[in-house]
Amino acid sequence: MNKLKILCLMLVTSLFIYRSSAQVITYTPAYPTINDSITIVFDATQGNAACIGVSPIFIHTGVISWRSINNSDWQFKKRNWDEPDSATLMQAIAPNQYRIKFHIRSWYGFGTNEKVRALAM
């Protein structure tokens, strides 16, 4: 079961934050800046539905910044894959739906001069 949770975590968080036709991940506001608070919702019934019934769900995230050499070079990662942490635990809001809210700059902990191109998940 632990391997299934890790696999689901990998599937969920390997996506860049965007709105897809399947709506696996949705977020508000629609066009967040680094000074905004953001709400991210993961719907496990969408996409390949590999995480249906899996709980807990943790988010693995970082940012793509001016320091990143490519879109896989995440900066300011919140945690490593194998280190679940309560700060990255997504709240269950309905069966197979999970939410997390945070202030972008504060949560990732980067300075005011950081140039962020994208949130990565």
PDB file of N, CA and C in Angstrom:
ATOM      1  N   MET A   1       0.818  -1.194   0.000  1.00  0.00           N
ATOM      2  CA  MET A   1       0.000   0.000   0.000  1.00  0.00           C
ATOM      3  C   MET A   1       0.863   1.259   0.000  1.00  0.00           C
ATOM      4  N   ASN A   2       1.993   1.215   0.718  1.00  0.00           N
ATOM      5  CA  ASN A   2       2.879   2.367   0.748  1.00  0.00           C
ATOM      6  C   ASN A   2       3.414   2.688  -0.643  1.00  0.00           C
ATOM      7  N   LYS A   3       3.726   1.647  -1.421  1.00  0.00           N
ATOM      8  CA  LYS A   3       4.202   1.868  -2.783  1.00  0.00           C
ATOM      9  C   LYS A   3       3.111   2.506  -3.641  1.00  0.00           C
ATOM     10  N   LEU A   4       1.848   2.105  -3.411  1.00  0.00           N
ATOM     11  CA  LEU A   4       0.733   2.695  -4.152  1.00  0.00           C
ATOM     12  C   LEU A   4       0.612   4.177  -3.815  1.00  0.00           C
ATOM     13  N   LYS A   5       0.757   4.533  -2.549  1.00  0.00           N
ATOM     14  CA  LYS A   5       0.689   5.937  -2.153  1.00  0.00           C
ATOM     15  C   LYS A   5       1.802   6.735  -2.813  1.00  0.00           C
ATOM     16  N   ILE A   6       2.999   6.166  -2.835  1.00  0.00           N
ATOM     17  CA  ILE A   6       4.124   6.862  -3.462  1.00  0.00           C
ATOM     18  C   ILE A   6       3.892   6.995  -4.962  1.00  0.00           C
ATOM     19  N   LEU A   7       3.381   5.942  -5.599  1.00  0.00           N
ATOM     20  CA  LEU A   7       3.082   6.004  -7.024  1.00  0.00           C
ATOM     21  C   LEU A   7       2.032   7.071  -7.310  1.00  0.00           C
ATOM     22  N   CYS A   8       0.988   7.105  -6.510  1.00  0.00           N
ATOM     23  CA  CYS A   8      -0.050   8.121  -6.702  1.00  0.00           C
ATOM     24  C   CYS A   8       0.520   9.512  -6.503  1.00  0.00           C
ATOM     25  N   LEU A   9       1.343   9.664  -5.501  1.00  0.00           N
ATOM     26  CA  LEU A   9       1.977  10.949  -5.255  1.00  0.00           C
ATOM     27  C   LEU A   9       2.797  11.369  -6.464  1.00  0.00           C
ATOM     28  N   MET A  10       3.536  10.439  -7.034  1.00  0.00           N
ATOM     29  CA  MET A  10       4.345  10.744  -8.210  1.00  0.00           C
ATOM     30  C   MET A  10       3.461  11.146  -9.382  1.00  0.00           C
ATOM     31  N   LEU A  11       2.357  10.444  -9.579  1.00  0.00           N
ATOM     32  CA  LEU A  11       1.460  10.766 -10.678  1.00  0.00           C
ATOM     33  C   LEU A  11       0.831  12.136 -10.499  1.00  0.00           C
ATOM     34  N   VAL A  12       0.414  12.413  -9.281  1.00  0.00           N
ATOM     35  CA  VAL A  12      -0.237  13.683  -8.999  1.00  0.00           C
ATOM     36  C   VAL A  12       0.716  14.844  -9.174  1.00  0.00           C
ATOM     37  N   THR A  13       1.892  14.717  -8.619  1.00  0.00           N
ATOM     38  CA  THR A  13       2.787  15.858  -8.550  1.00  0.00           C
ATOM     39  C   THR A  13       3.717  16.002  -9.736  1.00  0.00           C
ATOM     40  N   SER A  14       3.705  15.078 -10.664  1.00  0.00           N
ATOM     41  CA  SER A  14       4.569  15.207 -11.825  1.00  0.00           C
ATOM     42  C   SER A  14       4.010  16.184 -12.852  1.00  0.00           C
ATOM     43  N   LEU A  15       2.835  16.667 -12.617  1.00  0.00           N
ATOM     44  CA  LEU A  15       2.205  17.619 -13.527  1.00  0.00           C
ATOM     45  C   LEU A  15       2.626  19.039 -13.198  1.00  0.00           C
ATOM     46  N   PHE A  16       2.800  19.880 -14.207  1.00  0.00           N
ATOM     47  CA  PHE A  16       2.940  21.303 -13.953  1.00  0.00           C
ATOM     48  C   PHE A  16       1.555  21.837 -13.710  1.00  0.00           C
ATOM     49  N   ILE A  17       1.487  22.880 -12.928  1.00  0.00           N
ATOM     50  CA  ILE A  17       0.186  23.421 -12.575  1.00  0.00           C
ATOM     51  C   ILE A  17      -0.421  24.085 -13.810  1.00  0.00           C
ATOM     52  N   TYR A  18      -1.503  23.508 -14.259  1.00  0.00           N
ATOM     53  CA  TYR A  18      -2.218  24.032 -15.403  1.00  0.00           C
ATOM     54  C   TYR A  18      -3.615  23.447 -15.404  1.00  0.00           C
ATOM     55  N   ARG A  19      -4.472  24.035 -16.177  1.00  0.00           N
ATOM     56  CA  ARG A  19      -5.827  23.510 -16.301  1.00  0.00           C
ATOM     57  C   ARG A  19      -5.861  22.622 -17.536  1.00  0.00           C
ATOM     58  N   SER A  20      -6.155  21.381 -17.320  1.00  0.00           N
ATOM     59  CA  SER A  20      -6.226  20.445 -18.434  1.00  0.00           C
ATOM     60  C   SER A  20      -7.681  20.175 -18.752  1.00  0.00           C
ATOM     61  N   SER A  21      -7.933  19.529 -19.874  1.00  0.00           N
ATOM     62  CA  SER A  21      -9.316  19.222 -20.242  1.00  0.00           C
ATOM     63  C   SER A  21      -9.936  18.245 -19.258  1.00  0.00           C
ATOM     64  N   ALA A  22      -9.116  17.420 -18.607  1.00  0.00           N
ATOM     65  CA  ALA A  22      -9.642  16.456 -17.637  1.00  0.00           C
ATOM     66  C   ALA A  22      -9.838  17.077 -16.257  1.00  0.00           C
ATOM     67  N   GLN A  23      -9.279  18.262 -16.033  1.00  0.00           N
ATOM     68  CA  GLN A  23      -9.418  18.958 -14.758  1.00  0.00           C
ATOM     69  C   GLN A  23      -8.895  18.126 -13.582  1.00  0.00           C
ATOM     70  N   VAL A  24      -7.776  17.467 -13.757  1.00  0.00           N
ATOM     71  CA  VAL A  24      -7.157  16.711 -12.674  1.00  0.00           C
ATOM     72  C   VAL A  24      -6.789  17.674 -11.548  1.00  0.00           C
ATOM     73  N   ILE A  25      -6.200  18.781 -11.905  1.00  0.00           N
ATOM     74  CA  ILE A  25      -5.828  19.810 -10.948  1.00  0.00           C
ATOM     75  C   ILE A  25      -6.495  21.111 -11.366  1.00  0.00           C
ATOM     76  N   THR A  26      -7.154  21.749 -10.417  1.00  0.00           N
ATOM     77  CA  THR A  26      -7.691  23.082 -10.648  1.00  0.00           C
ATOM     78  C   THR A  26      -7.096  23.997  -9.585  1.00  0.00           C
ATOM     79  N   TYR A  27      -7.102  25.271  -9.868  1.00  0.00           N
ATOM     80  CA  TYR A  27      -6.547  26.219  -8.919  1.00  0.00           C
ATOM     81  C   TYR A  27      -7.213  27.570  -9.055  1.00  0.00           C
ATOM     82  N   THR A  28      -7.184  28.304  -7.958  1.00  0.00           N
ATOM     83  CA  THR A  28      -7.660  29.684  -7.958  1.00  0.00           C
ATOM     84  C   THR A  28      -6.661  30.506  -7.146  1.00  0.00           C
ATOM     85  N   PRO A  29      -6.393  31.721  -7.566  1.00  0.00           N
ATOM     86  CA  PRO A  29      -6.983  32.434  -8.688  1.00  0.00           C
ATOM     87  C   PRO A  29      -6.504  31.881 -10.030  1.00  0.00           C
ATOM     88  N   ALA A  30      -7.177  32.272 -11.092  1.00  0.00           N
ATOM     89  CA  ALA A  30      -6.860  31.747 -12.421  1.00  0.00           C
ATOM     90  C   ALA A  30      -5.452  32.123 -12.873  1.00  0.00           C
ATOM     91  N   TYR A  31      -4.985  33.310 -12.504  1.00  0.00           N
ATOM     92  CA  TYR A  31      -3.665  33.778 -12.907  1.00  0.00           C
ATOM     93  C   TYR A  31      -2.908  34.260 -11.665  1.00  0.00           C
ATOM     94  N   PRO A  32      -2.425  33.326 -10.860  1.00  0.00           N
ATOM     95  CA  PRO A  32      -1.774  33.726  -9.610  1.00  0.00           C
ATOM     96  C   PRO A  32      -0.411  34.366  -9.854  1.00  0.00           C
ATOM     97  N   THR A  33      -0.062  35.282  -8.974  1.00  0.00           N
ATOM     98  CA  THR A  33       1.279  35.854  -8.955  1.00  0.00           C
ATOM     99  C   THR A  33       1.980  35.313  -7.716  1.00  0.00           C
ATOM    100  N   ILE A  34       3.254  35.562  -7.600  1.00  0.00           N
ATOM    101  CA  ILE A  34       3.993  35.061  -6.446  1.00  0.00           C
ATOM    102  C   ILE A  34       3.572  35.727  -5.143  1.00  0.00           C
ATOM    103  N   ASN A  35       2.827  36.813  -5.232  1.00  0.00           N
ATOM    104  CA  ASN A  35       2.357  37.509  -4.036  1.00  0.00           C
ATOM    105  C   ASN A  35       0.941  37.097  -3.632  1.00  0.00           C
ATOM    106  N   ASP A  36       0.357  36.150  -4.352  1.00  0.00           N
ATOM    107  CA  ASP A  36      -1.011  35.696  -4.068  1.00  0.00           C
ATOM    108  C   ASP A  36      -1.021  34.468  -3.183  1.00  0.00           C
ATOM    109  N   SER A  37      -2.170  34.224  -2.588  1.00  0.00           N
ATOM    110  CA  SER A  37      -2.460  32.933  -1.991  1.00  0.00           C
ATOM    111  C   SER A  37      -3.128  32.108  -3.071  1.00  0.00           C
ATOM    112  N   ILE A  38      -2.893  30.805  -3.060  1.00  0.00           N
ATOM    113  CA  ILE A  38      -3.433  29.922  -4.092  1.00  0.00           C
ATOM    114  C   ILE A  38      -4.133  28.744  -3.416  1.00  0.00           C
ATOM    115  N   THR A  39      -5.207  28.298  -4.038  1.00  0.00           N
ATOM    116  CA  THR A  39      -5.901  27.086  -3.614  1.00  0.00           C
ATOM    117  C   THR A  39      -5.788  26.097  -4.758  1.00  0.00           C
ATOM    118  N   ILE A  40      -5.261  24.916  -4.477  1.00  0.00           N
ATOM    119  CA  ILE A  40      -5.086  23.863  -5.477  1.00  0.00           C
ATOM    120  C   ILE A  40      -5.967  22.691  -5.074  1.00  0.00           C
ATOM    121  N   VAL A  41      -6.750  22.184  -6.041  1.00  0.00           N
ATOM    122  CA  VAL A  41      -7.618  21.034  -5.796  1.00  0.00           C
ATOM    123  C   VAL A  41      -7.219  19.920  -6.755  1.00  0.00           C
ATOM    124  N   PHE A  42      -7.011  18.734  -6.200  1.00  0.00           N
ATOM    125  CA  PHE A  42      -6.704  17.534  -6.980  1.00  0.00           C
ATOM    126  C   PHE A  42      -7.927  16.633  -6.971  1.00  0.00           C
ATOM    127  N   ASP A  43      -8.382  16.238  -8.156  1.00  0.00           N
ATOM    128  CA  ASP A  43      -9.529  15.335  -8.300  1.00  0.00           C
ATOM    129  C   ASP A  43      -9.014  13.980  -8.786  1.00  0.00           C
ATOM    130  N   ALA A  44      -8.964  13.011  -7.881  1.00  0.00           N
ATOM    131  CA  ALA A  44      -8.401  11.690  -8.190  1.00  0.00           C
ATOM    132  C   ALA A  44      -9.239  10.903  -9.187  1.00  0.00           C
ATOM    133  N   THR A  45     -10.467  11.313  -9.446  1.00  0.00           N
ATOM    134  CA  THR A  45     -11.311  10.580 -10.399  1.00  0.00           C
ATOM    135  C   THR A  45     -11.019  10.972 -11.843  1.00  0.00           C
ATOM    136  N   GLN A  46     -10.236  12.009 -12.041  1.00  0.00           N
ATOM    137  CA  GLN A  46      -9.920  12.487 -13.388  1.00  0.00           C
ATOM    138  C   GLN A  46      -8.583  11.921 -13.854  1.00  0.00           C
ATOM    139  N   GLY A  47      -8.214  12.231 -15.072  1.00  0.00           N
ATOM    140  CA  GLY A  47      -6.957  11.723 -15.624  1.00  0.00           C
ATOM    141  C   GLY A  47      -6.993  10.211 -15.712  1.00  0.00           C
ATOM    142  N   ASN A  48      -5.950   9.545 -15.252  1.00  0.00           N
ATOM    143  CA  ASN A  48      -5.936   8.081 -15.316  1.00  0.00           C
ATOM    144  C   ASN A  48      -6.590   7.448 -14.084  1.00  0.00           C
ATOM    145  N   ALA A  49      -7.030   8.266 -13.137  1.00  0.00           N
ATOM    146  CA  ALA A  49      -7.769   7.826 -11.943  1.00  0.00           C
ATOM    147  C   ALA A  49      -6.982   6.826 -11.087  1.00  0.00           C
ATOM    148  N   ALA A  50      -5.681   6.834 -11.168  1.00  0.00           N
ATOM    149  CA  ALA A  50      -4.851   5.871 -10.436  1.00  0.00           C
ATOM    150  C   ALA A  50      -4.877   6.081  -8.924  1.00  0.00           C
ATOM    151  N   CYS A  51      -5.298   7.244  -8.474  1.00  0.00           N
ATOM    152  CA  CYS A  51      -5.288   7.529  -7.032  1.00  0.00           C
ATOM    153  C   CYS A  51      -6.671   7.438  -6.387  1.00  0.00           C
ATOM    154  N   ILE A  52      -7.642   6.902  -7.087  1.00  0.00           N
ATOM    155  CA  ILE A  52      -8.966   6.747  -6.485  1.00  0.00           C
ATOM    156  C   ILE A  52      -8.848   5.887  -5.239  1.00  0.00           C
ATOM    157  N   GLY A  53      -9.396   6.390  -4.146  1.00  0.00           N
ATOM    158  CA  GLY A  53      -9.410   5.648  -2.896  1.00  0.00           C
ATOM    159  C   GLY A  53      -8.125   5.722  -2.090  1.00  0.00           C
ATOM    160  N   VAL A  54      -7.111   6.407  -2.591  1.00  0.00           N
ATOM    161  CA  VAL A  54      -5.837   6.506  -1.876  1.00  0.00           C
ATOM    162  C   VAL A  54      -5.879   7.704  -0.933  1.00  0.00           C
ATOM    163  N   SER A  55      -5.425   7.483   0.276  1.00  0.00           N
ATOM    164  CA  SER A  55      -5.357   8.558   1.258  1.00  0.00           C
ATOM    165  C   SER A  55      -4.292   8.173   2.280  1.00  0.00           C
ATOM    166  N   PRO A  56      -3.490   9.078   2.739  1.00  0.00           N
ATOM    167  CA  PRO A  56      -3.487  10.510   2.468  1.00  0.00           C
ATOM    168  C   PRO A  56      -2.795  10.839   1.150  1.00  0.00           C
ATOM    169  N   ILE A  57      -2.997  12.056   0.699  1.00  0.00           N
ATOM    170  CA  ILE A  57      -2.342  12.570  -0.502  1.00  0.00           C
ATOM    171  C   ILE A  57      -1.460  13.746  -0.078  1.00  0.00           C
ATOM    172  N   PHE A  58      -0.202  13.690  -0.480  1.00  0.00           N
ATOM    173  CA  PHE A  58       0.748  14.762  -0.219  1.00  0.00           C
ATOM    174  C   PHE A  58       1.117  15.404  -1.546  1.00  0.00           C
ATOM    175  N   ILE A  59       1.348  16.696  -1.541  1.00  0.00           N
ATOM    176  CA  ILE A  59       1.768  17.400  -2.743  1.00  0.00           C
ATOM    177  C   ILE A  59       3.299  17.481  -2.756  1.00  0.00           C
ATOM    178  N   HIS A  60       3.881  17.279  -3.916  1.00  0.00           N
ATOM    179  CA  HIS A  60       5.326  17.465  -4.107  1.00  0.00           C
ATOM    180  C   HIS A  60       5.458  18.624  -5.075  1.00  0.00           C
ATOM    181  N   THR A  61       6.100  19.680  -4.660  1.00  0.00           N
ATOM    182  CA  THR A  61       6.080  20.900  -5.452  1.00  0.00           C
ATOM    183  C   THR A  61       7.342  21.732  -5.249  1.00  0.00           C
ATOM    184  N   GLY A  62       7.577  22.573  -6.208  1.00  0.00           N
ATOM    185  CA  GLY A  62       8.673  23.528  -6.177  1.00  0.00           C
ATOM    186  C   GLY A  62       8.357  24.612  -7.185  1.00  0.00           C
ATOM    187  N   VAL A  63       9.349  25.393  -7.535  1.00  0.00           N
ATOM    188  CA  VAL A  63       9.143  26.430  -8.541  1.00  0.00           C
ATOM    189  C   VAL A  63      10.196  26.306  -9.631  1.00  0.00           C
ATOM    190  N   ILE A  64       9.814  26.738 -10.810  1.00  0.00           N
ATOM    191  CA  ILE A  64      10.758  26.903 -11.911  1.00  0.00           C
ATOM    192  C   ILE A  64      11.133  28.381 -11.884  1.00  0.00           C
ATOM    193  N   SER A  65      12.385  28.649 -11.610  1.00  0.00           N
ATOM    194  CA  SER A  65      12.822  30.040 -11.475  1.00  0.00           C
ATOM    195  C   SER A  65      13.894  30.349 -12.508  1.00  0.00           C
ATOM    196  N   TRP A  66      14.395  31.556 -12.437  1.00  0.00           N
ATOM    197  CA  TRP A  66      15.471  31.954 -13.345  1.00  0.00           C
ATOM    198  C   TRP A  66      16.716  31.116 -13.125  1.00  0.00           C
ATOM    199  N   ARG A  67      16.829  30.466 -11.962  1.00  0.00           N
ATOM    200  CA  ARG A  67      17.966  29.600 -11.665  1.00  0.00           C
ATOM    201  C   ARG A  67      17.839  28.219 -12.307  1.00  0.00           C
ATOM    202  N   SER A  68      16.625  27.826 -12.681  1.00  0.00           N
ATOM    203  CA  SER A  68      16.367  26.486 -13.233  1.00  0.00           C
ATOM    204  C   SER A  68      16.999  26.360 -14.606  1.00  0.00           C
ATOM    205  N   ILE A  69      17.675  25.237 -14.846  1.00  0.00           N
ATOM    206  CA  ILE A  69      18.289  25.031 -16.156  1.00  0.00           C
ATOM    207  C   ILE A  69      17.302  24.453 -17.160  1.00  0.00           C
ATOM    208  N   ASN A  70      16.211  23.850 -16.657  1.00  0.00           N
ATOM    209  CA  ASN A  70      15.138  23.356 -17.510  1.00  0.00           C
ATOM    210  C   ASN A  70      13.898  23.177 -16.634  1.00  0.00           C
ATOM    211  N   ASN A  71      12.797  22.699 -17.219  1.00  0.00           N
ATOM    212  CA  ASN A  71      11.544  22.570 -16.478  1.00  0.00           C
ATOM    213  C   ASN A  71      11.548  21.440 -15.453  1.00  0.00           C
ATOM    214  N   SER A  72      12.596  20.636 -15.427  1.00  0.00           N
ATOM    215  CA  SER A  72      12.722  19.580 -14.418  1.00  0.00           C
ATOM    216  C   SER A  72      13.584  20.009 -13.240  1.00  0.00           C
ATOM    217  N   ASP A  73      14.174  21.165 -13.336  1.00  0.00           N
ATOM    218  CA  ASP A  73      15.084  21.662 -12.309  1.00  0.00           C
ATOM    219  C   ASP A  73      14.316  22.540 -11.317  1.00  0.00           C
ATOM    220  N   TRP A  74      13.581  21.874 -10.440  1.00  0.00           N
ATOM    221  CA  TRP A  74      12.762  22.587  -9.461  1.00  0.00           C
ATOM    222  C   TRP A  74      13.622  23.245  -8.394  1.00  0.00           C
ATOM    223  N   GLN A  75      13.275  24.459  -8.052  1.00  0.00           N
ATOM    224  CA  GLN A  75      13.918  25.187  -6.966  1.00  0.00           C
ATOM    225  C   GLN A  75      12.922  25.297  -5.806  1.00  0.00           C
ATOM    226  N   PHE A  76      13.417  25.530  -4.625  1.00  0.00           N
ATOM    227  CA  PHE A  76      12.582  25.748  -3.439  1.00  0.00           C
ATOM    228  C   PHE A  76      11.579  24.617  -3.206  1.00  0.00           C
ATOM    229  N   LYS A  77      12.017  23.373  -3.434  1.00  0.00           N
ATOM    230  CA  LYS A  77      11.134  22.221  -3.210  1.00  0.00           C
ATOM    231  C   LYS A  77      10.696  22.174  -1.757  1.00  0.00           C
ATOM    232  N   LYS A  78       9.422  21.829  -1.552  1.00  0.00           N
ATOM    233  CA  LYS A  78       8.894  21.757  -0.199  1.00  0.00           C
ATOM    234  C   LYS A  78       9.364  20.514   0.543  1.00  0.00           C
ATOM    235  N   ARG A  79       9.635  19.435  -0.164  1.00  0.00           N
ATOM    236  CA  ARG A  79      10.070  18.211   0.499  1.00  0.00           C
ATOM    237  C   ARG A  79      10.619  17.255  -0.545  1.00  0.00           C
ATOM    238  N   ASN A  80      11.255  16.188  -0.093  1.00  0.00           N
ATOM    239  CA  ASN A  80      11.720  15.137  -0.994  1.00  0.00           C
ATOM    240  C   ASN A  80      10.612  14.110  -1.172  1.00  0.00           C
ATOM    241  N   TRP A  81      10.716  13.293  -2.204  1.00  0.00           N
ATOM    242  CA  TRP A  81       9.689  12.283  -2.509  1.00  0.00           C
ATOM    243  C   TRP A  81       9.393  11.377  -1.328  1.00  0.00           C
ATOM    244  N   ASP A  82      10.423  10.941  -0.653  1.00  0.00           N
ATOM    245  CA  ASP A  82      10.252   9.927   0.381  1.00  0.00           C
ATOM    246  C   ASP A  82      10.081  10.507   1.779  1.00  0.00           C
ATOM    247  N   GLU A  83       9.744  11.781   1.874  1.00  0.00           N
ATOM    248  CA  GLU A  83       9.616  12.428   3.169  1.00  0.00           C
ATOM    249  C   GLU A  83       8.267  13.136   3.322  1.00  0.00           C
ATOM    250  N   PRO A  84       7.190  12.381   3.559  1.00  0.00           N
ATOM    251  CA  PRO A  84       5.895  13.042   3.782  1.00  0.00           C
ATOM    252  C   PRO A  84       6.006  14.007   4.959  1.00  0.00           C
ATOM    253  N   ASP A  85       5.304  15.111   4.858  1.00  0.00           N
ATOM    254  CA  ASP A  85       5.387  16.125   5.897  1.00  0.00           C
ATOM    255  C   ASP A  85       4.035  16.813   5.986  1.00  0.00           C
ATOM    256  N   SER A  86       3.650  17.168   7.192  1.00  0.00           N
ATOM    257  CA  SER A  86       2.306  17.708   7.413  1.00  0.00           C
ATOM    258  C   SER A  86       2.060  18.992   6.629  1.00  0.00           C
ATOM    259  N   ALA A  87       3.100  19.752   6.305  1.00  0.00           N
ATOM    260  CA  ALA A  87       2.921  20.984   5.531  1.00  0.00           C
ATOM    261  C   ALA A  87       2.460  20.697   4.105  1.00  0.00           C
ATOM    262  N   THR A  88       2.740  19.502   3.605  1.00  0.00           N
ATOM    263  CA  THR A  88       2.389  19.168   2.222  1.00  0.00           C
ATOM    264  C   THR A  88       1.194  18.215   2.133  1.00  0.00           C
ATOM    265  N   LEU A  89       0.567  17.947   3.257  1.00  0.00           N
ATOM    266  CA  LEU A  89      -0.611  17.085   3.278  1.00  0.00           C
ATOM    267  C   LEU A  89      -1.798  17.829   2.688  1.00  0.00           C
ATOM    268  N   MET A  90      -2.442  17.227   1.692  1.00  0.00           N
ATOM    269  CA  MET A  90      -3.630  17.830   1.098  1.00  0.00           C
ATOM    270  C   MET A  90      -4.850  17.412   1.920  1.00  0.00           C
ATOM    271  N   GLN A  91      -5.738  18.354   2.147  1.00  0.00           N
ATOM    272  CA  GLN A  91      -6.940  18.114   2.943  1.00  0.00           C
ATOM    273  C   GLN A  91      -8.005  17.435   2.091  1.00  0.00           C
ATOM    274  N   ALA A  92      -8.567  16.335   2.585  1.00  0.00           N
ATOM    275  CA  ALA A  92      -9.684  15.676   1.891  1.00  0.00           C
ATOM    276  C   ALA A  92     -10.912  16.569   2.031  1.00  0.00           C
ATOM    277  N   ILE A  93     -11.513  16.935   0.894  1.00  0.00           N
ATOM    278  CA  ILE A  93     -12.690  17.818   0.922  1.00  0.00           C
ATOM    279  C   ILE A  93     -13.944  17.112   0.430  1.00  0.00           C
ATOM    280  N   ALA A  94     -13.776  15.961  -0.191  1.00  0.00           N
ATOM    281  CA  ALA A  94     -14.872  15.127  -0.686  1.00  0.00           C
ATOM    282  C   ALA A  94     -14.231  13.793  -1.050  1.00  0.00           C
ATOM    283  N   PRO A  95     -15.028  12.767  -1.287  1.00  0.00           N
ATOM    284  CA  PRO A  95     -14.404  11.514  -1.724  1.00  0.00           C
ATOM    285  C   PRO A  95     -13.531  11.754  -2.963  1.00  0.00           C
ATOM    286  N   ASN A  96     -12.264  11.383  -2.858  1.00  0.00           N
ATOM    287  CA  ASN A  96     -11.298  11.482  -3.961  1.00  0.00           C
ATOM    288  C   ASN A  96     -10.987  12.906  -4.409  1.00  0.00           C
ATOM    289  N   GLN A  97     -11.233  13.880  -3.562  1.00  0.00           N
ATOM    290  CA  GLN A  97     -10.878  15.264  -3.855  1.00  0.00           C
ATOM    291  C   GLN A  97     -10.088  15.830  -2.683  1.00  0.00           C
ATOM    292  N   TYR A  98      -8.988  16.503  -3.013  1.00  0.00           N
ATOM    293  CA  TYR A  98      -8.060  16.996  -2.006  1.00  0.00           C
ATOM    294  C   TYR A  98      -7.682  18.433  -2.314  1.00  0.00           C
ATOM    295  N   ARG A  99      -7.479  19.218  -1.259  1.00  0.00           N
ATOM    296  CA  ARG A  99      -7.198  20.642  -1.431  1.00  0.00           C
ATOM    297  C   ARG A  99      -6.027  21.043  -0.541  1.00  0.00           C
ATOM    298  N   ILE A 100      -5.282  22.035  -1.038  1.00  0.00           N
ATOM    299  CA  ILE A 100      -4.251  22.686  -0.224  1.00  0.00           C
ATOM    300  C   ILE A 100      -4.281  24.167  -0.570  1.00  0.00           C
ATOM    301  N   LYS A 101      -4.082  24.999   0.451  1.00  0.00           N
ATOM    302  CA  LYS A 101      -4.058  26.452   0.278  1.00  0.00           C
ATOM    303  C   LYS A 101      -2.771  26.980   0.882  1.00  0.00           C
ATOM    304  N   PHE A 102      -2.154  27.951   0.198  1.00  0.00           N
ATOM    305  CA  PHE A 102      -0.964  28.588   0.756  1.00  0.00           C
ATOM    306  C   PHE A 102      -0.675  29.895   0.046  1.00  0.00           C
ATOM    307  N   HIS A 103       0.098  30.761   0.732  1.00  0.00           N
ATOM    308  CA  HIS A 103       0.589  31.997   0.135  1.00  0.00           C
ATOM    309  C   HIS A 103       1.886  31.622  -0.583  1.00  0.00           C
ATOM    310  N   ILE A 104       1.952  31.880  -1.864  1.00  0.00           N
ATOM    311  CA  ILE A 104       3.037  31.355  -2.706  1.00  0.00           C
ATOM    312  C   ILE A 104       4.417  31.753  -2.187  1.00  0.00           C
ATOM    313  N   ARG A 105       4.686  33.031  -2.057  1.00  0.00           N
ATOM    314  CA  ARG A 105       6.035  33.474  -1.656  1.00  0.00           C
ATOM    315  C   ARG A 105       6.392  32.943  -0.267  1.00  0.00           C
ATOM    316  N   SER A 106       5.467  33.032   0.666  1.00  0.00           N
ATOM    317  CA  SER A 106       5.739  32.575   2.036  1.00  0.00           C
ATOM    318  C   SER A 106       5.960  31.071   2.099  1.00  0.00           C
ATOM    319  N   TRP A 107       5.128  30.312   1.387  1.00  0.00           N
ATOM    320  CA  TRP A 107       5.183  28.858   1.481  1.00  0.00           C
ATOM    321  C   TRP A 107       6.482  28.299   0.914  1.00  0.00           C
ATOM    322  N   TYR A 108       6.888  28.818  -0.246  1.00  0.00           N
ATOM    323  CA  TYR A 108       8.133  28.338  -0.849  1.00  0.00           C
ATOM    324  C   TYR A 108       9.362  28.975  -0.211  1.00  0.00           C
ATOM    325  N   GLY A 109       9.199  30.138   0.377  1.00  0.00           N
ATOM    326  CA  GLY A 109      10.285  30.775   1.100  1.00  0.00           C
ATOM    327  C   GLY A 109      11.335  31.450   0.247  1.00  0.00           C
ATOM    328  N   PHE A 110      10.958  31.998  -0.888  1.00  0.00           N
ATOM    329  CA  PHE A 110      11.945  32.711  -1.695  1.00  0.00           C
ATOM    330  C   PHE A 110      11.836  34.213  -1.461  1.00  0.00           C
ATOM    331  N   GLY A 111      12.916  34.913  -1.769  1.00  0.00           N
ATOM    332  CA  GLY A 111      13.000  36.351  -1.516  1.00  0.00           C
ATOM    333  C   GLY A 111      12.245  37.189  -2.530  1.00  0.00           C
ATOM    334  N   THR A 112      12.224  38.472  -2.269  1.00  0.00           N
ATOM    335  CA  THR A 112      11.476  39.398  -3.127  1.00  0.00           C
ATOM    336  C   THR A 112      12.114  39.581  -4.502  1.00  0.00           C
ATOM    337  N   ASN A 113      13.388  39.253  -4.639  1.00  0.00           N
ATOM    338  CA  ASN A 113      14.063  39.418  -5.941  1.00  0.00           C
ATOM    339  C   ASN A 113      14.012  38.161  -6.806  1.00  0.00           C
ATOM    340  N   GLU A 114      13.413  37.084  -6.289  1.00  0.00           N
ATOM    341  CA  GLU A 114      13.365  35.825  -7.050  1.00  0.00           C
ATOM    342  C   GLU A 114      12.435  35.975  -8.249  1.00  0.00           C
ATOM    343  N   LYS A 115      12.875  35.502  -9.393  1.00  0.00           N
ATOM    344  CA  LYS A 115      12.059  35.538 -10.611  1.00  0.00           C
ATOM    345  C   LYS A 115      11.519  34.136 -10.869  1.00  0.00           C
ATOM    346  N   VAL A 116      10.245  33.959 -10.613  1.00  0.00           N
ATOM    347  CA  VAL A 116       9.589  32.650 -10.737  1.00  0.00           C
ATOM    348  C   VAL A 116       8.865  32.600 -12.070  1.00  0.00           C
ATOM    349  N   ARG A 117       9.120  31.538 -12.833  1.00  0.00           N
ATOM    350  CA  ARG A 117       8.452  31.345 -14.118  1.00  0.00           C
ATOM    351  C   ARG A 117       7.201  30.488 -13.981  1.00  0.00           C
ATOM    352  N   ALA A 118       7.218  29.514 -13.052  1.00  0.00           N
ATOM    353  CA  ALA A 118       6.067  28.607 -12.921  1.00  0.00           C
ATOM    354  C   ALA A 118       6.140  27.865 -11.591  1.00  0.00           C
ATOM    355  N   LEU A 119       4.989  27.420 -11.129  1.00  0.00           N
ATOM    356  CA  LEU A 119       4.927  26.479 -10.024  1.00  0.00           C
ATOM    357  C   LEU A 119       5.016  25.095 -10.641  1.00  0.00           C
ATOM    358  N   ALA A 120       5.745  24.200 -10.002  1.00  0.00           N
ATOM    359  CA  ALA A 120       5.933  22.857 -10.538  1.00  0.00           C
ATOM    360  C   ALA A 120       5.361  21.842  -9.566  1.00  0.00           C
ATOM    361  N   MET A 121       4.706  20.811 -10.130  1.00  0.00           N
ATOM    362  CA  MET A 121       4.135  19.745  -9.305  1.00  0.00           C
ATOM    363  C   MET A 121       4.305  18.422  -9.995  1.00  0.00           C
TER     364      MET A 121
END
